Amino acid sequence: MTPLPQLVLTILGALFCIGDVALLGVLLTWQERAASPEARWRRLVRGVLPATAVLLGLLLLAFTQLMLLWSNR
């Protein structure tokens, strides 16, 4: 693979990771802005935890793909 597409894919991967972390922050802020502790707990269990699991899985996948992109196979 030539260096230019590899660099472009790395930049896109880094942007994806930054967006993923930003979305995690938005989720946690949304959960904390609930009106009552009971509503915060419901948001945590029903929305934040499942979405966080998916987003962290995508983040791990992106890091793995970036490492494979730069490895000498």
PDB file of N, CA and C in Angstrom:
ATOM      1  N   MET A   1       0.846  -1.174   0.000  1.00  0.00           N
ATOM      2  CA  MET A   1       0.000   0.000   0.000  1.00  0.00           C
ATOM      3  C   MET A   1       0.893   1.238   0.000  1.00  0.00           C
ATOM      4  N   THR A   2       0.539   2.206  -0.806  1.00  0.00           N
ATOM      5  CA  THR A   2       1.322   3.434  -0.852  1.00  0.00           C
ATOM      6  C   THR A   2       1.033   4.282   0.380  1.00  0.00           C
ATOM      7  N   PRO A   3       1.976   5.135   0.768  1.00  0.00           N
ATOM      8  CA  PRO A   3       1.826   5.905   2.015  1.00  0.00           C
ATOM      9  C   PRO A   3       0.651   6.882   2.045  1.00  0.00           C
ATOM     10  N   LEU A   4       0.280   7.465   0.901  1.00  0.00           N
ATOM     11  CA  LEU A   4      -0.784   8.479   0.915  1.00  0.00           C
ATOM     12  C   LEU A   4      -2.149   7.907   1.303  1.00  0.00           C
ATOM     13  N   PRO A   5      -2.625   6.831   0.685  1.00  0.00           N
ATOM     14  CA  PRO A   5      -3.912   6.274   1.145  1.00  0.00           C
ATOM     15  C   PRO A   5      -3.853   5.778   2.590  1.00  0.00           C
ATOM     16  N   GLN A   6      -2.685   5.274   2.982  1.00  0.00           N
ATOM     17  CA  GLN A   6      -2.522   4.822   4.363  1.00  0.00           C
ATOM     18  C   GLN A   6      -2.666   6.006   5.326  1.00  0.00           C
ATOM     19  N   LEU A   7      -2.101   7.125   4.966  1.00  0.00           N
ATOM     20  CA  LEU A   7      -2.205   8.325   5.798  1.00  0.00           C
ATOM     21  C   LEU A   7      -3.643   8.846   5.833  1.00  0.00           C
ATOM     22  N   VAL A   8      -4.322   8.828   4.701  1.00  0.00           N
ATOM     23  CA  VAL A   8      -5.714   9.285   4.646  1.00  0.00           C
ATOM     24  C   VAL A   8      -6.595   8.391   5.517  1.00  0.00           C
ATOM     25  N   LEU A   9      -6.398   7.075   5.428  1.00  0.00           N
ATOM     26  CA  LEU A   9      -7.167   6.160   6.264  1.00  0.00           C
ATOM     27  C   LEU A   9      -6.868   6.359   7.745  1.00  0.00           C
ATOM     28  N   THR A  10      -5.636   6.686   8.064  1.00  0.00           N
ATOM     29  CA  THR A  10      -5.280   6.955   9.461  1.00  0.00           C
ATOM     30  C   THR A  10      -5.974   8.208   9.971  1.00  0.00           C
ATOM     31  N   ILE A  11      -6.007   9.238   9.163  1.00  0.00           N
ATOM     32  CA  ILE A  11      -6.681  10.479   9.563  1.00  0.00           C
ATOM     33  C   ILE A  11      -8.182  10.234   9.737  1.00  0.00           C
ATOM     34  N   LEU A  12      -8.779   9.485   8.817  1.00  0.00           N
ATOM     35  CA  LEU A  12     -10.206   9.160   8.953  1.00  0.00           C
ATOM     36  C   LEU A  12     -10.467   8.317  10.199  1.00  0.00           C
ATOM     37  N   GLY A  13      -9.586   7.387  10.482  1.00  0.00           N
ATOM     38  CA  GLY A  13      -9.723   6.575  11.694  1.00  0.00           C
ATOM     39  C   GLY A  13      -9.602   7.413  12.950  1.00  0.00           C
ATOM     40  N   ALA A  14      -8.660   8.359  12.950  1.00  0.00           N
ATOM     41  CA  ALA A  14      -8.503   9.238  14.104  1.00  0.00           C
ATOM     42  C   ALA A  14      -9.740  10.123  14.291  1.00  0.00           C
ATOM     43  N   LEU A  15     -10.297  10.627  13.197  1.00  0.00           N
ATOM     44  CA  LEU A  15     -11.522  11.427  13.286  1.00  0.00           C
ATOM     45  C   LEU A  15     -12.687  10.594  13.808  1.00  0.00           C
ATOM     46  N   PHE A  16     -12.772   9.335  13.378  1.00  0.00           N
ATOM     47  CA  PHE A  16     -13.801   8.442  13.878  1.00  0.00           C
ATOM     48  C   PHE A  16     -13.659   8.243  15.380  1.00  0.00           C
ATOM     49  N   CYS A  17     -12.414   8.038  15.849  1.00  0.00           N
ATOM     50  CA  CYS A  17     -12.167   7.837  17.284  1.00  0.00           C
ATOM     51  C   CYS A  17     -12.520   9.089  18.088  1.00  0.00           C
ATOM     52  N   ILE A  18     -12.180  10.250  17.573  1.00  0.00           N
ATOM     53  CA  ILE A  18     -12.505  11.500  18.253  1.00  0.00           C
ATOM     54  C   ILE A  18     -14.022  11.680  18.332  1.00  0.00           C
ATOM     55  N   GLY A  19     -14.714  11.400  17.242  1.00  0.00           N
ATOM     56  CA  GLY A  19     -16.177  11.490  17.243  1.00  0.00           C
ATOM     57  C   GLY A  19     -16.812  10.501  18.197  1.00  0.00           C
ATOM     58  N   ASP A  20     -16.234   9.317  18.287  1.00  0.00           N
ATOM     59  CA  ASP A  20     -16.736   8.294  19.194  1.00  0.00           C
ATOM     60  C   ASP A  20     -16.618   8.750  20.645  1.00  0.00           C
ATOM     61  N   VAL A  21     -15.472   9.302  21.012  1.00  0.00           N
ATOM     62  CA  VAL A  21     -15.274   9.797  22.376  1.00  0.00           C
ATOM     63  C   VAL A  21     -16.201  10.985  22.660  1.00  0.00           C
ATOM     64  N   ALA A  22     -16.388  11.847  21.675  1.00  0.00           N
ATOM     65  CA  ALA A  22     -17.307  12.977  21.850  1.00  0.00           C
ATOM     66  C   ALA A  22     -18.739  12.489  22.060  1.00  0.00           C
ATOM     67  N   LEU A  23     -19.136  11.466  21.330  1.00  0.00           N
ATOM     68  CA  LEU A  23     -20.477  10.910  21.495  1.00  0.00           C
ATOM     69  C   LEU A  23     -20.643  10.274  22.870  1.00  0.00           C
ATOM     70  N   LEU A  24     -19.606   9.651  23.387  1.00  0.00           N
ATOM     71  CA  LEU A  24     -19.656   9.125  24.753  1.00  0.00           C
ATOM     72  C   LEU A  24     -19.878  10.255  25.764  1.00  0.00           C
ATOM     73  N   GLY A  25     -19.216  11.373  25.549  1.00  0.00           N
ATOM     74  CA  GLY A  25     -19.414  12.528  26.425  1.00  0.00           C
ATOM     75  C   GLY A  25     -20.825  13.066  26.358  1.00  0.00           C
ATOM     76  N   VAL A  26     -21.392  13.112  25.166  1.00  0.00           N
ATOM     77  CA  VAL A  26     -22.776  13.576  25.001  1.00  0.00           C
ATOM     78  C   VAL A  26     -23.737  12.640  25.729  1.00  0.00           C
ATOM     79  N   LEU A  27     -23.508  11.334  25.614  1.00  0.00           N
ATOM     80  CA  LEU A  27     -24.360  10.357  26.304  1.00  0.00           C
ATOM     81  C   LEU A  27     -24.322  10.549  27.818  1.00  0.00           C
ATOM     82  N   LEU A  28     -23.139  10.725  28.354  1.00  0.00           N
ATOM     83  CA  LEU A  28     -23.025  10.890  29.802  1.00  0.00           C
ATOM     84  C   LEU A  28     -23.639  12.200  30.271  1.00  0.00           C
ATOM     85  N   THR A  29     -23.497  13.250  29.474  1.00  0.00           N
ATOM     86  CA  THR A  29     -24.115  14.526  29.818  1.00  0.00           C
ATOM     87  C   THR A  29     -25.638  14.407  29.780  1.00  0.00           C
ATOM     88  N   TRP A  30     -26.165  13.729  28.772  1.00  0.00           N
ATOM     89  CA  TRP A  30     -27.611  13.518  28.660  1.00  0.00           C
ATOM     90  C   TRP A  30     -28.127  12.759  29.879  1.00  0.00           C
ATOM     91  N   GLN A  31     -27.392  11.766  30.305  1.00  0.00           N
ATOM     92  CA  GLN A  31     -27.825  10.970  31.460  1.00  0.00           C
ATOM     93  C   GLN A  31     -27.819  11.803  32.736  1.00  0.00           C
ATOM     94  N   GLU A  32     -26.838  12.650  32.898  1.00  0.00           N
ATOM     95  CA  GLU A  32     -26.737  13.464  34.108  1.00  0.00           C
ATOM     96  C   GLU A  32     -27.762  14.586  34.163  1.00  0.00           C
ATOM     97  N   ARG A  33     -28.347  14.964  33.044  1.00  0.00           N
ATOM     98  CA  ARG A  33     -29.312  16.070  33.013  1.00  0.00           C
ATOM     99  C   ARG A  33     -30.751  15.626  33.248  1.00  0.00           C
ATOM    100  N   ALA A  34     -30.946  14.399  33.635  1.00  0.00           N
ATOM    101  CA  ALA A  34     -32.306  13.936  33.936  1.00  0.00           C
ATOM    102  C   ALA A  34     -32.814  14.648  35.189  1.00  0.00           C
ATOM    103  N   ALA A  35     -34.130  14.736  35.308  1.00  0.00           N
ATOM    104  CA  ALA A  35     -34.745  15.528  36.369  1.00  0.00           C
ATOM    105  C   ALA A  35     -34.571  14.933  37.765  1.00  0.00           C
ATOM    106  N   SER A  36     -34.601  13.631  37.873  1.00  0.00           N
ATOM    107  CA  SER A  36     -34.542  13.013  39.202  1.00  0.00           C
ATOM    108  C   SER A  36     -33.509  11.886  39.203  1.00  0.00           C
ATOM    109  N   PRO A  37     -33.071  11.464  40.378  1.00  0.00           N
ATOM    110  CA  PRO A  37     -32.138  10.335  40.443  1.00  0.00           C
ATOM    111  C   PRO A  37     -32.714   9.061  39.825  1.00  0.00           C
ATOM    112  N   GLU A  38     -34.011   8.876  39.981  1.00  0.00           N
ATOM    113  CA  GLU A  38     -34.644   7.696  39.385  1.00  0.00           C
ATOM    114  C   GLU A  38     -34.594   7.752  37.861  1.00  0.00           C
ATOM    115  N   ALA A  39     -34.832   8.928  37.312  1.00  0.00           N
ATOM    116  CA  ALA A  39     -34.763   9.097  35.854  1.00  0.00           C
ATOM    117  C   ALA A  39     -33.337   8.934  35.356  1.00  0.00           C
ATOM    118  N   ARG A  40     -32.358   9.418  36.131  1.00  0.00           N
ATOM    119  CA  ARG A  40     -30.952   9.221  35.752  1.00  0.00           C
ATOM    120  C   ARG A  40     -30.603   7.743  35.727  1.00  0.00           C
ATOM    121  N   TRP A  41     -31.082   6.993  36.718  1.00  0.00           N
ATOM    122  CA  TRP A  41     -30.813   5.561  36.774  1.00  0.00           C
ATOM    123  C   TRP A  41     -31.431   4.841  35.558  1.00  0.00           C
ATOM    124  N   ARG A  42     -32.679   5.217  35.219  1.00  0.00           N
ATOM    125  CA  ARG A  42     -33.330   4.612  34.053  1.00  0.00           C
ATOM    126  C   ARG A  42     -32.576   4.916  32.770  1.00  0.00           C
ATOM    127  N   ARG A  43     -32.140   6.167  32.619  1.00  0.00           N
ATOM    128  CA  ARG A  43     -31.369   6.536  31.425  1.00  0.00           C
ATOM    129  C   ARG A  43     -30.049   5.773  31.373  1.00  0.00           C
ATOM    130  N   LEU A  44     -29.437   5.599  32.539  1.00  0.00           N
ATOM    131  CA  LEU A  44     -28.169   4.873  32.581  1.00  0.00           C
ATOM    132  C   LEU A  44     -28.353   3.432  32.133  1.00  0.00           C
ATOM    133  N   VAL A  45     -29.345   2.761  32.705  1.00  0.00           N
ATOM    134  CA  VAL A  45     -29.542   1.342  32.430  1.00  0.00           C
ATOM    135  C   VAL A  45     -30.089   1.095  31.020  1.00  0.00           C
ATOM    136  N   ARG A  46     -31.042   1.908  30.582  1.00  0.00           N
ATOM    137  CA  ARG A  46     -31.701   1.661  29.298  1.00  0.00           C
ATOM    138  C   ARG A  46     -30.975   2.257  28.097  1.00  0.00           C
ATOM    139  N   GLY A  47     -30.223   3.324  28.307  1.00  0.00           N
ATOM    140  CA  GLY A  47     -29.617   3.982  27.155  1.00  0.00           C
ATOM    141  C   GLY A  47     -28.111   4.060  27.175  1.00  0.00           C
ATOM    142  N   VAL A  48     -27.575   4.524  28.297  1.00  0.00           N
ATOM    143  CA  VAL A  48     -26.144   4.823  28.334  1.00  0.00           C
ATOM    144  C   VAL A  48     -25.298   3.551  28.327  1.00  0.00           C
ATOM    145  N   LEU A  49     -25.620   2.583  29.150  1.00  0.00           N
ATOM    146  CA  LEU A  49     -24.794   1.373  29.210  1.00  0.00           C
ATOM    147  C   LEU A  49     -24.785   0.587  27.895  1.00  0.00           C
ATOM    148  N   PRO A  50     -25.933   0.328  27.274  1.00  0.00           N
ATOM    149  CA  PRO A  50     -25.872  -0.380  25.978  1.00  0.00           C
ATOM    150  C   PRO A  50     -25.141   0.420  24.896  1.00  0.00           C
ATOM    151  N   ALA A  51     -25.408   1.720  24.830  1.00  0.00           N
ATOM    152  CA  ALA A  51     -24.756   2.545  23.815  1.00  0.00           C
ATOM    153  C   ALA A  51     -23.253   2.636  24.079  1.00  0.00           C
ATOM    154  N   THR A  52     -22.861   2.702  25.335  1.00  0.00           N
ATOM    155  CA  THR A  52     -21.444   2.749  25.675  1.00  0.00           C
ATOM    156  C   THR A  52     -20.748   1.458  25.276  1.00  0.00           C
ATOM    157  N   ALA A  53     -21.397   0.330  25.486  1.00  0.00           N
ATOM    158  CA  ALA A  53     -20.806  -0.949  25.082  1.00  0.00           C
ATOM    159  C   ALA A  53     -20.578  -0.985  23.571  1.00  0.00           C
ATOM    160  N   VAL A  54     -21.550  -0.513  22.816  1.00  0.00           N
ATOM    161  CA  VAL A  54     -21.410  -0.500  21.355  1.00  0.00           C
ATOM    162  C   VAL A  54     -20.311   0.469  20.936  1.00  0.00           C
ATOM    163  N   LEU A  55     -20.304   1.667  21.500  1.00  0.00           N
ATOM    164  CA  LEU A  55     -19.310   2.669  21.114  1.00  0.00           C
ATOM    165  C   LEU A  55     -17.896   2.246  21.497  1.00  0.00           C
ATOM    166  N   LEU A  56     -17.735   1.640  22.661  1.00  0.00           N
ATOM    167  CA  LEU A  56     -16.403   1.176  23.049  1.00  0.00           C
ATOM    168  C   LEU A  56     -15.950   0.013  22.170  1.00  0.00           C
ATOM    169  N   GLY A  57     -16.886  -0.833  21.763  1.00  0.00           N
ATOM    170  CA  GLY A  57     -16.541  -1.900  20.821  1.00  0.00           C
ATOM    171  C   GLY A  57     -16.082  -1.332  19.483  1.00  0.00           C
ATOM    172  N   LEU A  58     -16.780  -0.311  18.990  1.00  0.00           N
ATOM    173  CA  LEU A  58     -16.377   0.340  17.735  1.00  0.00           C
ATOM    174  C   LEU A  58     -15.031   1.030  17.878  1.00  0.00           C
ATOM    175  N   LEU A  59     -14.777   1.622  19.029  1.00  0.00           N
ATOM    176  CA  LEU A  59     -13.497   2.275  19.273  1.00  0.00           C
ATOM    177  C   LEU A  59     -12.366   1.252  19.273  1.00  0.00           C
ATOM    178  N   LEU A  60     -12.577   0.129  19.918  1.00  0.00           N
ATOM    179  CA  LEU A  60     -11.576  -0.930  19.931  1.00  0.00           C
ATOM    180  C   LEU A  60     -11.340  -1.469  18.521  1.00  0.00           C
ATOM    181  N   LEU A  61     -12.398  -1.640  17.765  1.00  0.00           N
ATOM    182  CA  LEU A  61     -12.267  -2.096  16.384  1.00  0.00           C
ATOM    183  C   LEU A  61     -11.475  -1.094  15.545  1.00  0.00           C
ATOM    184  N   ALA A  62     -11.744   0.191  15.720  1.00  0.00           N
ATOM    185  CA  ALA A  62     -11.026   1.217  14.958  1.00  0.00           C
ATOM    186  C   ALA A  62      -9.543   1.218  15.319  1.00  0.00           C
ATOM    187  N   PHE A  63      -9.220   1.117  16.602  1.00  0.00           N
ATOM    188  CA  PHE A  63      -7.811   1.059  17.013  1.00  0.00           C
ATOM    189  C   PHE A  63      -7.131  -0.171  16.432  1.00  0.00           C
ATOM    190  N   THR A  64      -7.821  -1.299  16.447  1.00  0.00           N
ATOM    191  CA  THR A  64      -7.244  -2.524  15.905  1.00  0.00           C
ATOM    192  C   THR A  64      -6.988  -2.389  14.406  1.00  0.00           C
ATOM    193  N   GLN A  65      -7.943  -1.813  13.694  1.00  0.00           N
ATOM    194  CA  GLN A  65      -7.765  -1.631  12.256  1.00  0.00           C
ATOM    195  C   GLN A  65      -6.620  -0.667  11.943  1.00  0.00           C
ATOM    196  N   LEU A  66      -6.473   0.371  12.754  1.00  0.00           N
ATOM    197  CA  LEU A  66      -5.362   1.298  12.539  1.00  0.00           C
ATOM    198  C   LEU A  66      -4.020   0.628  12.808  1.00  0.00           C
ATOM    199  N   MET A  67      -3.955  -0.207  13.833  1.00  0.00           N
ATOM    200  CA  MET A  67      -2.705  -0.917  14.110  1.00  0.00           C
ATOM    201  C   MET A  67      -2.386  -1.902  12.988  1.00  0.00           C
ATOM    202  N   LEU A  68      -3.399  -2.603  12.479  1.00  0.00           N
ATOM    203  CA  LEU A  68      -3.173  -3.525  11.365  1.00  0.00           C
ATOM    204  C   LEU A  68      -2.768  -2.787  10.105  1.00  0.00           C
ATOM    205  N   LEU A  69      -3.299  -1.591   9.917  1.00  0.00           N
ATOM    206  CA  LEU A  69      -2.952  -0.785   8.740  1.00  0.00           C
ATOM    207  C   LEU A  69      -1.469  -0.447   8.724  1.00  0.00           C
ATOM    208  N   TRP A  70      -0.894  -0.172   9.876  1.00  0.00           N
ATOM    209  CA  TRP A  70       0.497   0.233   9.958  1.00  0.00           C
ATOM    210  C   TRP A  70       1.460  -0.911  10.277  1.00  0.00           C
ATOM    211  N   SER A  71       0.961  -2.119  10.471  1.00  0.00           N
ATOM    212  CA  SER A  71       1.852  -3.245  10.765  1.00  0.00           C
ATOM    213  C   SER A  71       2.525  -3.742   9.478  1.00  0.00           C
ATOM    214  N   ASN A  72       3.635  -4.370   9.654  1.00  0.00           N
ATOM    215  CA  ASN A  72       4.338  -4.967   8.502  1.00  0.00           C
ATOM    216  C   ASN A  72       3.888  -6.409   8.361  1.00  0.00           C
ATOM    217  N   ARG A  73       2.925  -6.626   7.501  1.00  0.00           N
ATOM    218  CA  ARG A  73       2.394  -7.982   7.323  1.00  0.00           C
ATOM    219  C   ARG A  73       3.226  -8.770   6.360  1.00  0.00           C
TER     220      ARG A  73
END
